[in-house]
Structure formats: C-alpha cells, structure tokens
Amino acid sequence: MHVMIIGAAGMVGRKLTERLAADGRLGTGDVERLTLVDVVAPTAPPAFGGAVEAVTADLSAPGEAGRLAARRADVVFHLAAIVSGEAEADFDKGYRINLDGTRHLFEAIRQEGLREPYRPRVVFTSSIAVFGAPFPERIGDEFFLTPLTSYGTQKAIGELLLGDYSRRGFFDGIGIRLPTICVRPGKPNLAASGFFSNILREPLVGRDAVLPVPTDVRHWFASPRAAVGFLLHAATIDVAGLGARRTLSLPGLSATVAEEIEALRRVAGERAVALIRHEPDPAIARIVAGWPRDFDASRAEALGFRAEASMDEIVRAHVEDELGGRIGG
C-alpha cells in the first residue's frame, strides 16, 4: 500500500507518519511506501522498513498537485493548511493555500483517473470552524455551515468539493472535522486557538503562558493521540453508510478554560497554574466567540471514532507522549 501525507511536516502529520512507520500497517494492509509532502522538507521516519520519499511542494503552485497525483497513492491524507489566525490576517494567502491548494489536489486526482483508472481514498481534515453562531446547545452533523472566519469558509468550501468529487466517483473521499487539538507540542503558532494548548503545555515545563480570553470560554477538544486515531480510522472505514454527507464532526470533549486550568492543577499542582498570566486580547476573543462549543458526534461514534472523556486524560496524554512522564522545568 502506498500512503501519501500532504502536510507531513506539521504536528499531526509528523505523528501520523511516526505511527504508520512504527506499525507498518493501515487497517489490514501493509504500508510499503510513504510519500511525505510539505512546503518545508518533511523528515523521513528512521524506523520505517519500506520506501520513503520526502517531497517539498506547495499545492497552490502550478503543476505541483499534478506531480503528486501522478504518484498514484492508494491513500491520500490532506492535512495541509495555514492556521485560523493567519488565514484571517492574510486573506490572499488563506484562500491560496486552504482553498486553491485543495481544489488543485482534487482536480489533479480527477485528471489522473481520466488518463488511467485511479480512485484513491482521500482523507480531508476539516474544522469545527465551518460552523458559526448562533448555535444550538449541541451541534449535530445536520447543522448548516455558516462560518464566521475566512479559515472556516475555506474549509467549508473544501467539504463541498470533497462531497461532489466523491459523488462523481473521482475519488473515495471522507472529511473529518477535527476538534481543537490540545495539547499541541512544540512552540506556539499563529492559530487563534493556540492559547488552549499554551496554558497547559508551557506551565507543564515551568514556563509562563498567556491567557487572552475569559476562563468561562468553552470549546471542543481532543488530543494529538486521538487525532492520529481519527485519521487512521477514516482511511480504512467503510464509507457506504455516509451517503452524500461525506464529512463528519468527530468526538471530543467540551470544556471551559477554567476546567483546563483545574485539570492542570490536578496533574501538575498549584505551581504550574501560577504560571498562567491573564492578558485579554480583543481580537482573539472576537474570533473565539464565533466558534462552536459542544457537539453531538453520535454519527461518528457509531462508526467507531473515539476521543478522550476528560481534560485530565488529555493533559496526561501530553505528559506521557511528549514529556516522558515528567513534569516541571
């Protein structure tokens, strides 16, 4: 089996690569070839026994998507995107990367299939930012898409394209609306949601963190560990039951910032909590106010998708996976 990961240098892409390399399997099939793609050179996993190709490419650049589709991967994970805050700050870049790049990829796969039969499984990562206020108490998959950010709009259009290209038989697509991934390892990025991870990740290693919104802000979370599980499951699931609605809102945990902080206190103590500094940022608060807070993910759960049941689990998963079980600076 040939697996292509577009966006392989990002956090989720790296973890997905590591998991596939370590297991050597996807569902019931052996992964014999990995093609890793990003705008910066992805790192080949040393443990993988099969063939690995690392490709530096920008999907939005002319001809790049066609060159990738010509490799005819059996499974294509499309994770590449610029994050919400950057998409809002740079309108042109957001649409070029998040929309044009997606459209180029889908069309390149279609054109490749017109030359010689080719119908890969395409897993597209969407976002809960496709939904906009006012919200019901819990958002189900049937709730209409009214995004209130450019990022959410770009992802919503990607969902519609995925559904239409799948309906027409050009590829076998499934879209997954990831919860906000927390705790994200590494350094803070430009995502408007970044503080949800920062206020846990930084104190766990003895560093200060800035909280730009009130503690009663509620959001929808899953860990990086869960995100990789979502992707692997989406790549192998029988999509016949999805019908025309090819994109799913995935399970997660609805929690407030205050509940995040209490979980940090239980796992790491008062000293870690004291490192969180409240500095209100109206721009971040405005973006976050338009995001959904709770979901009915029963459709995805019925198909076997699973996530954490508590914020404590999410914090402990980060400590185990990223800190070697150790807390403190």
C-alpha atoms as a PDB file:
ATOM      1  CA  MET A   1       0.000   0.000   0.000  1.00  0.00           C
ATOM      2  CA  HIS A   2       1.220   3.478  -0.912  1.00  0.00           C
ATOM      3  CA  VAL A   3       0.277   6.254   1.545  1.00  0.00           C
ATOM      4  CA  MET A   4       0.746   9.957   0.848  1.00  0.00           C
ATOM      5  CA  ILE A   5       0.641  12.528   3.667  1.00  0.00           C
ATOM      6  CA  ILE A   6       0.287  16.121   2.494  1.00  0.00           C
ATOM      7  CA  GLY A   7       1.155  18.388   5.391  1.00  0.00           C
ATOM      8  CA  ALA A   8       3.608  15.811   6.772  1.00  0.00           C
ATOM      9  CA  ALA A   9       5.829  18.386   8.485  1.00  0.00           C
ATOM     10  CA  GLY A  10       3.024  19.656  10.708  1.00  0.00           C
ATOM     11  CA  MET A  11       2.417  18.299  14.184  1.00  0.00           C
ATOM     12  CA  VAL A  12      -0.390  15.892  13.273  1.00  0.00           C
ATOM     13  CA  GLY A  13       1.384  14.892  10.053  1.00  0.00           C
ATOM     14  CA  ARG A  14       4.553  14.016  11.956  1.00  0.00           C
ATOM     15  CA  LYS A  15       2.668  11.932  14.486  1.00  0.00           C
ATOM     16  CA  LEU A  16       0.709  10.149  11.757  1.00  0.00           C
ATOM     17  CA  THR A  17       3.967   9.389   9.935  1.00  0.00           C
ATOM     18  CA  GLU A  18       5.550   8.020  13.110  1.00  0.00           C
ATOM     19  CA  ARG A  19       2.546   5.802  13.793  1.00  0.00           C
ATOM     20  CA  LEU A  20       2.422   4.384  10.260  1.00  0.00           C
ATOM     21  CA  ALA A  21       6.181   3.820  10.278  1.00  0.00           C
ATOM     22  CA  ALA A  22       6.090   2.054  13.642  1.00  0.00           C
ATOM     23  CA  ASP A  23       3.088  -0.140  12.842  1.00  0.00           C
ATOM     24  CA  GLY A  24       3.841  -0.744   9.177  1.00  0.00           C
ATOM     25  CA  ARG A  25       0.146  -1.267   8.547  1.00  0.00           C
ATOM     26  CA  LEU A  26      -3.002   0.661   7.727  1.00  0.00           C
ATOM     27  CA  GLY A  27      -6.085  -1.348   8.562  1.00  0.00           C
ATOM     28  CA  THR A  28      -5.434  -4.810   7.184  1.00  0.00           C
ATOM     29  CA  GLY A  29      -2.903  -3.682   4.576  1.00  0.00           C
ATOM     30  CA  ASP A  30       0.884  -3.401   4.753  1.00  0.00           C
ATOM     31  CA  VAL A  31       2.261   0.094   4.155  1.00  0.00           C
ATOM     32  CA  GLU A  32       5.094  -0.442   1.699  1.00  0.00           C
ATOM     33  CA  ARG A  33       5.621   3.137   0.554  1.00  0.00           C
ATOM     34  CA  LEU A  34       5.285   6.561   2.194  1.00  0.00           C
ATOM     35  CA  THR A  35       5.285   9.853   0.308  1.00  0.00           C
ATOM     36  CA  LEU A  36       5.665  12.787   2.697  1.00  0.00           C
ATOM     37  CA  VAL A  37       4.792  16.230   1.326  1.00  0.00           C
ATOM     38  CA  ASP A  38       5.025  19.754   2.746  1.00  0.00           C
ATOM     39  CA  VAL A  39       6.238  23.251   1.896  1.00  0.00           C
ATOM     40  CA  VAL A  40       9.257  22.517   4.091  1.00  0.00           C
ATOM     41  CA  ALA A  41      11.182  19.276   3.781  1.00  0.00           C
ATOM     42  CA  PRO A  42       9.466  16.537   5.817  1.00  0.00           C
ATOM     43  CA  THR A  43      11.651  14.217   7.869  1.00  0.00           C
ATOM     44  CA  ALA A  44      11.706  10.579   6.856  1.00  0.00           C
ATOM     45  CA  PRO A  45      10.986   8.204   9.766  1.00  0.00           C
ATOM     46  CA  PRO A  46      14.102   6.142  10.545  1.00  0.00           C
ATOM     47  CA  ALA A  47      12.138   3.129  11.788  1.00  0.00           C
ATOM     48  CA  PHE A  48      10.175   2.530   8.574  1.00  0.00           C
ATOM     49  CA  GLY A  49      11.259  -0.500   6.583  1.00  0.00           C
ATOM     50  CA  GLY A  50       9.572   0.470   3.306  1.00  0.00           C
ATOM     51  CA  ALA A  51      10.309   3.099   0.677  1.00  0.00           C
ATOM     52  CA  VAL A  52      10.082   6.760   1.730  1.00  0.00           C
ATOM     53  CA  GLU A  53      10.014   9.824  -0.482  1.00  0.00           C
ATOM     54  CA  ALA A  54      10.126  13.304   1.077  1.00  0.00           C
ATOM     55  CA  VAL A  55       8.780  15.976  -1.285  1.00  0.00           C
ATOM     56  CA  THR A  56       8.923  19.741  -0.876  1.00  0.00           C
ATOM     57  CA  ALA A  57       5.881  21.155  -2.658  1.00  0.00           C
ATOM     58  CA  ASP A  58       3.214  23.858  -2.473  1.00  0.00           C
ATOM     59  CA  LEU A  59      -0.155  22.531  -3.641  1.00  0.00           C
ATOM     60  CA  SER A  60      -1.222  26.001  -4.727  1.00  0.00           C
ATOM     61  CA  ALA A  61       1.715  26.329  -7.174  1.00  0.00           C
ATOM     62  CA  PRO A  62       1.005  25.427 -10.832  1.00  0.00           C
ATOM     63  CA  GLY A  63       1.671  21.798 -11.658  1.00  0.00           C
ATOM     64  CA  GLU A  64       2.561  20.645  -8.139  1.00  0.00           C
ATOM     65  CA  ALA A  65      -0.710  18.837  -7.453  1.00  0.00           C
ATOM     66  CA  GLY A  66      -0.467  17.033 -10.777  1.00  0.00           C
ATOM     67  CA  ARG A  67       3.023  15.796  -9.967  1.00  0.00           C
ATOM     68  CA  LEU A  68       1.778  14.447  -6.650  1.00  0.00           C
ATOM     69  CA  ALA A  69      -1.301  12.760  -8.151  1.00  0.00           C
ATOM     70  CA  ALA A  70       0.920  11.073 -10.747  1.00  0.00           C
ATOM     71  CA  ARG A  71       2.469   9.074  -7.905  1.00  0.00           C
ATOM     72  CA  ARG A  72      -0.935   7.348  -7.578  1.00  0.00           C
ATOM     73  CA  ALA A  73      -1.017   6.754  -3.841  1.00  0.00           C
ATOM     74  CA  ASP A  74      -3.682   4.378  -2.550  1.00  0.00           C
ATOM     75  CA  VAL A  75      -4.495   6.660   0.405  1.00  0.00           C
ATOM     76  CA  VAL A  76      -4.012  10.428   0.415  1.00  0.00           C
ATOM     77  CA  PHE A  77      -4.157  12.331   3.707  1.00  0.00           C
ATOM     78  CA  HIS A  78      -4.704  16.027   3.006  1.00  0.00           C
ATOM     79  CA  LEU A  79      -3.669  17.810   6.214  1.00  0.00           C
ATOM     80  CA  ALA A  80      -2.023  20.871   4.691  1.00  0.00           C
ATOM     81  CA  ALA A  81      -3.415  24.288   5.648  1.00  0.00           C
ATOM     82  CA  ILE A  82      -2.463  27.587   7.163  1.00  0.00           C
ATOM     83  CA  VAL A  83      -3.985  28.111  10.576  1.00  0.00           C
ATOM     84  CA  SER A  84      -7.016  30.174  11.525  1.00  0.00           C
ATOM     85  CA  GLY A  85      -5.315  33.306  12.831  1.00  0.00           C
ATOM     86  CA  GLU A  86      -3.000  33.531   9.818  1.00  0.00           C
ATOM     87  CA  ALA A  87      -5.872  32.932   7.375  1.00  0.00           C
ATOM     88  CA  GLU A  88      -7.774  35.794   8.991  1.00  0.00           C
ATOM     89  CA  ALA A  89      -4.764  38.118   8.940  1.00  0.00           C
ATOM     90  CA  ASP A  90      -3.714  37.329   5.340  1.00  0.00           C
ATOM     91  CA  PHE A  91      -6.824  36.955   3.156  1.00  0.00           C
ATOM     92  CA  ASP A  92      -4.954  36.159  -0.071  1.00  0.00           C
ATOM     93  CA  LYS A  93      -2.679  33.558   1.483  1.00  0.00           C
ATOM     94  CA  GLY A  94      -5.574  31.845   3.261  1.00  0.00           C
ATOM     95  CA  TYR A  95      -7.552  31.344   0.082  1.00  0.00           C
ATOM     96  CA  ARG A  96      -4.487  30.377  -1.942  1.00  0.00           C
ATOM     97  CA  ILE A  97      -3.351  27.659   0.478  1.00  0.00           C
ATOM     98  CA  ASN A  98      -6.559  26.449   2.106  1.00  0.00           C
ATOM     99  CA  LEU A  99      -8.880  26.625  -0.904  1.00  0.00           C
ATOM    100  CA  ASP A 100      -6.860  26.756  -4.126  1.00  0.00           C
ATOM    101  CA  GLY A 101      -4.443  24.070  -2.926  1.00  0.00           C
ATOM    102  CA  THR A 102      -7.332  21.759  -2.035  1.00  0.00           C
ATOM    103  CA  ARG A 103      -9.089  22.340  -5.354  1.00  0.00           C
ATOM    104  CA  HIS A 104      -5.850  21.724  -7.285  1.00  0.00           C
ATOM    105  CA  LEU A 105      -5.313  18.414  -5.471  1.00  0.00           C
ATOM    106  CA  PHE A 106      -8.837  17.159  -6.055  1.00  0.00           C
ATOM    107  CA  GLU A 107      -8.747  18.138  -9.712  1.00  0.00           C
ATOM    108  CA  ALA A 108      -5.313  16.586 -10.224  1.00  0.00           C
ATOM    109  CA  ILE A 109      -6.593  13.269  -8.863  1.00  0.00           C
ATOM    110  CA  ARG A 110      -9.578  13.502 -11.228  1.00  0.00           C
ATOM    111  CA  GLN A 111      -7.336  14.175 -14.219  1.00  0.00           C
ATOM    112  CA  GLU A 112      -5.046  11.293 -13.266  1.00  0.00           C
ATOM    113  CA  GLY A 113      -8.069   8.993 -13.150  1.00  0.00           C
ATOM    114  CA  LEU A 114      -9.196  10.149 -16.604  1.00  0.00           C
ATOM    115  CA  ARG A 115      -5.846   9.024 -18.054  1.00  0.00           C
ATOM    116  CA  GLU A 116      -5.972   5.611 -16.373  1.00  0.00           C
ATOM    117  CA  PRO A 117      -8.441   4.336 -13.749  1.00  0.00           C
ATOM    118  CA  TYR A 118      -7.459   5.690 -10.342  1.00  0.00           C
ATOM    119  CA  ARG A 119      -9.730   6.155  -7.319  1.00  0.00           C
ATOM    120  CA  PRO A 120      -7.800   6.608  -4.061  1.00  0.00           C
ATOM    121  CA  ARG A 121      -9.188   7.081  -0.575  1.00  0.00           C
ATOM    122  CA  VAL A 122      -8.807  10.798   0.243  1.00  0.00           C
ATOM    123  CA  VAL A 123      -8.966  11.869   3.894  1.00  0.00           C
ATOM    124  CA  PHE A 124      -9.544  15.625   4.182  1.00  0.00           C
ATOM    125  CA  THR A 125      -9.097  17.376   7.508  1.00  0.00           C
ATOM    126  CA  SER A 126     -11.771  20.000   8.004  1.00  0.00           C
ATOM    127  CA  SER A 127     -12.559  22.031  11.108  1.00  0.00           C
ATOM    128  CA  ILE A 128     -15.340  22.890  13.532  1.00  0.00           C
ATOM    129  CA  ALA A 129     -14.768  26.475  12.338  1.00  0.00           C
ATOM    130  CA  VAL A 130     -17.150  25.671   9.451  1.00  0.00           C
ATOM    131  CA  PHE A 131     -19.978  26.362  11.917  1.00  0.00           C
ATOM    132  CA  GLY A 132     -20.973  29.848  13.014  1.00  0.00           C
ATOM    133  CA  ALA A 133     -23.183  31.377  15.696  1.00  0.00           C
ATOM    134  CA  PRO A 134     -25.940  31.329  16.713  1.00  0.00           C
ATOM    135  CA  PHE A 135     -25.536  27.707  17.793  1.00  0.00           C
ATOM    136  CA  PRO A 136     -27.909  25.141  19.214  1.00  0.00           C
ATOM    137  CA  GLU A 137     -26.966  23.681  22.592  1.00  0.00           C
ATOM    138  CA  ARG A 138     -25.199  20.818  20.809  1.00  0.00           C
ATOM    139  CA  ILE A 139     -24.264  20.855  17.131  1.00  0.00           C
ATOM    140  CA  GLY A 140     -25.105  17.782  15.066  1.00  0.00           C
ATOM    141  CA  ASP A 141     -23.881  16.872  11.597  1.00  0.00           C
ATOM    142  CA  GLU A 142     -27.108  18.207  10.123  1.00  0.00           C
ATOM    143  CA  PHE A 143     -26.469  21.774  11.358  1.00  0.00           C
ATOM    144  CA  PHE A 144     -25.885  24.167   8.453  1.00  0.00           C
ATOM    145  CA  LEU A 145     -22.475  25.651   7.669  1.00  0.00           C
ATOM    146  CA  THR A 146     -22.286  29.399   8.335  1.00  0.00           C
ATOM    147  CA  PRO A 147     -18.618  30.079   9.126  1.00  0.00           C
ATOM    148  CA  LEU A 148     -17.678  33.432  10.639  1.00  0.00           C
ATOM    149  CA  THR A 149     -13.980  33.352   9.693  1.00  0.00           C
ATOM    150  CA  SER A 150     -12.087  33.094   6.414  1.00  0.00           C
ATOM    151  CA  TYR A 151     -10.493  29.849   7.613  1.00  0.00           C
ATOM    152  CA  GLY A 152     -13.890  28.332   8.347  1.00  0.00           C
ATOM    153  CA  THR A 153     -15.182  29.454   4.950  1.00  0.00           C
ATOM    154  CA  GLN A 154     -12.215  27.885   3.179  1.00  0.00           C
ATOM    155  CA  LYS A 155     -12.719  24.592   4.992  1.00  0.00           C
ATOM    156  CA  ALA A 156     -16.475  24.612   4.296  1.00  0.00           C
ATOM    157  CA  ILE A 157     -15.840  25.005   0.573  1.00  0.00           C
ATOM    158  CA  GLY A 158     -13.330  22.145   0.770  1.00  0.00           C
ATOM    159  CA  GLU A 159     -16.043  19.953   2.326  1.00  0.00           C
ATOM    160  CA  LEU A 160     -18.420  20.731  -0.533  1.00  0.00           C
ATOM    161  CA  LEU A 161     -15.758  19.950  -3.125  1.00  0.00           C
ATOM    162  CA  LEU A 162     -14.907  16.688  -1.365  1.00  0.00           C
ATOM    163  CA  GLY A 163     -18.568  15.664  -1.432  1.00  0.00           C
ATOM    164  CA  ASP A 164     -19.040  16.482  -5.100  1.00  0.00           C
ATOM    165  CA  TYR A 165     -15.824  14.852  -6.331  1.00  0.00           C
ATOM    166  CA  SER A 166     -16.721  11.750  -4.296  1.00  0.00           C
ATOM    167  CA  ARG A 167     -20.289  11.737  -5.610  1.00  0.00           C
ATOM    168  CA  ARG A 168     -18.965  11.829  -9.151  1.00  0.00           C
ATOM    169  CA  GLY A 169     -16.650   8.898  -8.405  1.00  0.00           C
ATOM    170  CA  PHE A 170     -13.358  10.738  -8.952  1.00  0.00           C
ATOM    171  CA  PHE A 171     -12.060   9.546  -5.589  1.00  0.00           C
ATOM    172  CA  ASP A 172     -13.346   7.923  -2.403  1.00  0.00           C
ATOM    173  CA  GLY A 173     -13.387  10.850  -0.019  1.00  0.00           C
ATOM    174  CA  ILE A 174     -14.091  11.309   3.668  1.00  0.00           C
ATOM    175  CA  GLY A 175     -13.818  14.581   5.570  1.00  0.00           C
ATOM    176  CA  ILE A 176     -13.245  14.785   9.304  1.00  0.00           C
ATOM    177  CA  ARG A 177     -13.906  17.927  11.323  1.00  0.00           C
ATOM    178  CA  LEU A 178     -11.191  17.778  13.924  1.00  0.00           C
ATOM    179  CA  PRO A 179     -11.817  19.243  17.363  1.00  0.00           C
ATOM    180  CA  THR A 180      -9.200  21.747  18.501  1.00  0.00           C
ATOM    181  CA  ILE A 181      -6.117  19.604  19.125  1.00  0.00           C
ATOM    182  CA  CYS A 182      -4.830  20.016  22.658  1.00  0.00           C
ATOM    183  CA  VAL A 183      -2.203  19.797  23.993  1.00  0.00           C
ATOM    184  CA  ARG A 184      -0.227  20.660  20.847  1.00  0.00           C
ATOM    185  CA  PRO A 185       3.513  20.025  21.332  1.00  0.00           C
ATOM    186  CA  GLY A 186       6.224  22.383  20.130  1.00  0.00           C
ATOM    187  CA  LYS A 187       6.180  26.152  20.046  1.00  0.00           C
ATOM    188  CA  PRO A 188       3.150  28.485  19.940  1.00  0.00           C
ATOM    189  CA  ASN A 189       1.856  29.091  16.394  1.00  0.00           C
ATOM    190  CA  LEU A 190      -0.426  31.678  14.771  1.00  0.00           C
ATOM    191  CA  ALA A 191      -3.641  29.715  15.338  1.00  0.00           C
ATOM    192  CA  ALA A 192      -6.248  31.753  17.185  1.00  0.00           C
ATOM    193  CA  SER A 193      -6.892  28.613  19.227  1.00  0.00           C
ATOM    194  CA  GLY A 194      -3.236  28.258  20.216  1.00  0.00           C
ATOM    195  CA  PHE A 195      -3.740  29.530  23.763  1.00  0.00           C
ATOM    196  CA  PHE A 196      -5.863  26.471  24.617  1.00  0.00           C
ATOM    197  CA  SER A 197      -2.648  24.422  24.355  1.00  0.00           C
ATOM    198  CA  ASN A 198      -0.261  27.124  25.546  1.00  0.00           C
ATOM    199  CA  ILE A 199      -1.858  27.425  29.006  1.00  0.00           C
ATOM    200  CA  LEU A 200      -1.224  23.716  29.582  1.00  0.00           C
ATOM    201  CA  ARG A 201       1.950  22.973  27.636  1.00  0.00           C
ATOM    202  CA  GLU A 202       4.092  25.857  28.876  1.00  0.00           C
ATOM    203  CA  PRO A 203       3.352  25.543  32.641  1.00  0.00           C
ATOM    204  CA  LEU A 204       3.990  21.797  32.451  1.00  0.00           C
ATOM    205  CA  VAL A 205       7.634  22.599  31.656  1.00  0.00           C
ATOM    206  CA  GLY A 206       7.920  25.557  34.016  1.00  0.00           C
ATOM    207  CA  ARG A 207       7.315  28.382  31.534  1.00  0.00           C
ATOM    208  CA  ASP A 208       4.865  31.287  31.654  1.00  0.00           C
ATOM    209  CA  ALA A 209       1.749  31.221  29.483  1.00  0.00           C
ATOM    210  CA  VAL A 210      -0.627  33.984  28.390  1.00  0.00           C
ATOM    211  CA  LEU A 211      -4.404  33.545  28.558  1.00  0.00           C
ATOM    212  CA  PRO A 212      -6.093  36.066  26.204  1.00  0.00           C
ATOM    213  CA  VAL A 213      -9.762  35.185  26.916  1.00  0.00           C
ATOM    214  CA  PRO A 214     -12.004  34.790  29.999  1.00  0.00           C
ATOM    215  CA  THR A 215     -11.946  31.472  31.854  1.00  0.00           C
ATOM    216  CA  ASP A 216     -15.622  30.788  31.056  1.00  0.00           C
ATOM    217  CA  VAL A 217     -14.839  30.334  27.339  1.00  0.00           C
ATOM    218  CA  ARG A 218     -15.938  26.814  26.349  1.00  0.00           C
ATOM    219  CA  HIS A 219     -14.515  24.814  23.465  1.00  0.00           C
ATOM    220  CA  TRP A 220     -14.284  21.341  21.861  1.00  0.00           C
ATOM    221  CA  PHE A 221     -11.045  19.372  22.336  1.00  0.00           C
ATOM    222  CA  ALA A 222      -9.209  16.153  21.501  1.00  0.00           C
ATOM    223  CA  SER A 223      -5.580  15.139  21.965  1.00  0.00           C
ATOM    224  CA  PRO A 224      -2.956  14.620  19.223  1.00  0.00           C
ATOM    225  CA  ARG A 225      -3.128  10.935  20.122  1.00  0.00           C
ATOM    226  CA  ALA A 226      -6.854  10.917  19.346  1.00  0.00           C
ATOM    227  CA  ALA A 227      -6.298  12.903  16.118  1.00  0.00           C
ATOM    228  CA  VAL A 228      -3.976  10.235  14.741  1.00  0.00           C
ATOM    229  CA  GLY A 229      -6.547   7.591  15.641  1.00  0.00           C
ATOM    230  CA  PHE A 230      -9.219   9.578  13.794  1.00  0.00           C
ATOM    231  CA  LEU A 231      -7.098   9.734  10.642  1.00  0.00           C
ATOM    232  CA  LEU A 232      -6.188   6.057  10.639  1.00  0.00           C
ATOM    233  CA  HIS A 233      -9.813   5.064  11.178  1.00  0.00           C
ATOM    234  CA  ALA A 234     -11.012   7.422   8.434  1.00  0.00           C
ATOM    235  CA  ALA A 235      -8.560   5.883   5.981  1.00  0.00           C
ATOM    236  CA  THR A 236      -9.973   2.383   6.378  1.00  0.00           C
ATOM    237  CA  ILE A 237     -13.637   2.840   7.341  1.00  0.00           C
ATOM    238  CA  ASP A 238     -16.445   1.640   5.064  1.00  0.00           C
ATOM    239  CA  VAL A 239     -17.878   4.920   3.784  1.00  0.00           C
ATOM    240  CA  ALA A 240     -21.006   3.346   2.300  1.00  0.00           C
ATOM    241  CA  GLY A 241     -23.036   4.450   5.319  1.00  0.00           C
ATOM    242  CA  LEU A 242     -22.038   8.095   4.908  1.00  0.00           C
ATOM    243  CA  GLY A 243     -24.210   8.648   1.865  1.00  0.00           C
ATOM    244  CA  ALA A 244     -23.852  12.091   0.332  1.00  0.00           C
ATOM    245  CA  ARG A 245     -22.712  13.612   3.640  1.00  0.00           C
ATOM    246  CA  ARG A 246     -19.048  12.742   3.370  1.00  0.00           C
ATOM    247  CA  THR A 247     -17.818  14.918   6.260  1.00  0.00           C
ATOM    248  CA  LEU A 248     -18.205  14.054   9.940  1.00  0.00           C
ATOM    249  CA  SER A 249     -17.928  16.060  13.139  1.00  0.00           C
ATOM    250  CA  LEU A 250     -15.680  13.927  15.320  1.00  0.00           C
ATOM    251  CA  PRO A 251     -15.968  13.101  19.020  1.00  0.00           C
ATOM    252  CA  GLY A 252     -14.281  15.360  21.508  1.00  0.00           C
ATOM    253  CA  LEU A 253     -14.561  16.903  24.936  1.00  0.00           C
ATOM    254  CA  SER A 254     -16.478  20.102  25.668  1.00  0.00           C
ATOM    255  CA  ALA A 255     -14.602  22.015  28.389  1.00  0.00           C
ATOM    256  CA  THR A 256     -14.073  25.556  29.610  1.00  0.00           C
ATOM    257  CA  VAL A 257     -10.750  27.279  30.097  1.00  0.00           C
ATOM    258  CA  ALA A 258     -11.418  27.061  33.829  1.00  0.00           C
ATOM    259  CA  GLU A 259     -11.787  23.273  33.507  1.00  0.00           C
ATOM    260  CA  GLU A 260      -8.484  23.139  31.610  1.00  0.00           C
ATOM    261  CA  ILE A 261      -6.810  25.016  34.444  1.00  0.00           C
ATOM    262  CA  GLU A 262      -8.346  22.714  37.074  1.00  0.00           C
ATOM    263  CA  ALA A 263      -7.057  19.668  35.176  1.00  0.00           C
ATOM    264  CA  LEU A 264      -3.601  21.269  35.090  1.00  0.00           C
ATOM    265  CA  ARG A 265      -3.845  21.841  38.840  1.00  0.00           C
ATOM    266  CA  ARG A 266      -4.748  18.183  39.472  1.00  0.00           C
ATOM    267  CA  VAL A 267      -1.953  16.859  37.261  1.00  0.00           C
ATOM    268  CA  ALA A 268       0.848  19.378  37.942  1.00  0.00           C
ATOM    269  CA  GLY A 269      -0.122  21.363  41.025  1.00  0.00           C
ATOM    270  CA  GLU A 270      -0.613  24.977  42.026  1.00  0.00           C
ATOM    271  CA  ARG A 271       2.887  25.990  40.981  1.00  0.00           C
ATOM    272  CA  ALA A 272       2.093  25.231  37.333  1.00  0.00           C
ATOM    273  CA  VAL A 273      -1.232  27.092  37.457  1.00  0.00           C
ATOM    274  CA  ALA A 274       0.525  30.182  38.867  1.00  0.00           C
ATOM    275  CA  LEU A 275       2.473  30.488  35.600  1.00  0.00           C
ATOM    276  CA  ILE A 276      -0.696  31.400  33.634  1.00  0.00           C
ATOM    277  CA  ARG A 277      -0.950  35.169  33.066  1.00  0.00           C
ATOM    278  CA  HIS A 278      -4.291  36.694  32.000  1.00  0.00           C
ATOM    279  CA  GLU A 279      -3.758  39.324  29.283  1.00  0.00           C
ATOM    280  CA  PRO A 280      -7.041  39.997  27.400  1.00  0.00           C
ATOM    281  CA  ASP A 281      -6.755  40.173  23.596  1.00  0.00           C
ATOM    282  CA  PRO A 282      -9.951  41.522  21.976  1.00  0.00           C
ATOM    283  CA  ALA A 283      -9.005  40.205  18.512  1.00  0.00           C
ATOM    284  CA  ILE A 284      -8.585  36.634  19.771  1.00  0.00           C
ATOM    285  CA  ALA A 285     -11.705  36.901  21.927  1.00  0.00           C
ATOM    286  CA  ARG A 286     -13.727  38.076  18.919  1.00  0.00           C
ATOM    287  CA  ILE A 287     -12.616  35.110  16.781  1.00  0.00           C
ATOM    288  CA  VAL A 288     -13.209  32.564  19.554  1.00  0.00           C
ATOM    289  CA  ALA A 289     -16.680  33.983  20.276  1.00  0.00           C
ATOM    290  CA  GLY A 290     -17.781  32.779  16.844  1.00  0.00           C
ATOM    291  CA  TRP A 291     -16.672  29.180  17.400  1.00  0.00           C
ATOM    292  CA  PRO A 292     -18.870  26.248  18.459  1.00  0.00           C
ATOM    293  CA  ARG A 293     -18.609  24.784  21.943  1.00  0.00           C
ATOM    294  CA  ASP A 294     -20.318  21.381  22.060  1.00  0.00           C
ATOM    295  CA  PHE A 295     -21.224  18.680  19.567  1.00  0.00           C
ATOM    296  CA  ASP A 296     -23.440  15.673  19.074  1.00  0.00           C
ATOM    297  CA  ALA A 297     -20.895  13.352  17.479  1.00  0.00           C
ATOM    298  CA  SER A 298     -23.110  10.256  17.649  1.00  0.00           C
ATOM    299  CA  ARG A 299     -22.872   9.704  13.892  1.00  0.00           C
ATOM    300  CA  ALA A 300     -19.077   9.453  14.077  1.00  0.00           C
ATOM    301  CA  GLU A 301     -19.176   7.445  17.305  1.00  0.00           C
ATOM    302  CA  ALA A 302     -21.489   4.903  15.645  1.00  0.00           C
ATOM    303  CA  LEU A 303     -18.791   4.470  13.002  1.00  0.00           C
ATOM    304  CA  GLY A 304     -16.139   3.728  15.629  1.00  0.00           C
ATOM    305  CA  PHE A 305     -14.410   7.096  16.175  1.00  0.00           C
ATOM    306  CA  ARG A 306     -13.277   7.646  19.783  1.00  0.00           C
ATOM    307  CA  ALA A 307     -11.771  10.505  21.827  1.00  0.00           C
ATOM    308  CA  GLU A 308     -10.890  11.310  25.446  1.00  0.00           C
ATOM    309  CA  ALA A 309     -13.612  11.573  28.105  1.00  0.00           C
ATOM    310  CA  SER A 310     -11.893  14.110  30.405  1.00  0.00           C
ATOM    311  CA  MET A 311      -9.440  17.006  30.306  1.00  0.00           C
ATOM    312  CA  ASP A 312      -7.261  15.100  32.780  1.00  0.00           C
ATOM    313  CA  GLU A 313      -6.841  12.376  30.145  1.00  0.00           C
ATOM    314  CA  ILE A 314      -5.791  14.974  27.573  1.00  0.00           C
ATOM    315  CA  VAL A 315      -3.210  16.536  29.899  1.00  0.00           C
ATOM    316  CA  ARG A 316      -1.817  13.149  30.930  1.00  0.00           C
ATOM    317  CA  ALA A 317      -1.560  12.043  27.280  1.00  0.00           C
ATOM    318  CA  HIS A 318       0.685  15.053  26.634  1.00  0.00           C
ATOM    319  CA  VAL A 319       2.827  14.310  29.682  1.00  0.00           C
ATOM    320  CA  GLU A 320       3.239  10.676  28.583  1.00  0.00           C
ATOM    321  CA  ASP A 321       3.773  11.284  24.863  1.00  0.00           C
ATOM    322  CA  GLU A 322       5.840  14.489  24.917  1.00  0.00           C
ATOM    323  CA  LEU A 323       7.445  14.819  28.350  1.00  0.00           C
ATOM    324  CA  GLY A 324       8.401  11.234  29.090  1.00  0.00           C
ATOM    325  CA  GLY A 325       6.064  11.241  32.075  1.00  0.00           C
ATOM    326  CA  ARG A 326       7.972  14.086  33.766  1.00  0.00           C
ATOM    327  CA  ILE A 327       6.502  17.454  34.833  1.00  0.00           C
ATOM    328  CA  GLY A 328       8.431  20.646  35.567  1.00  0.00           C
ATOM    329  CA  GLY A 329      11.094  22.927  34.096  1.00  0.00           C
END
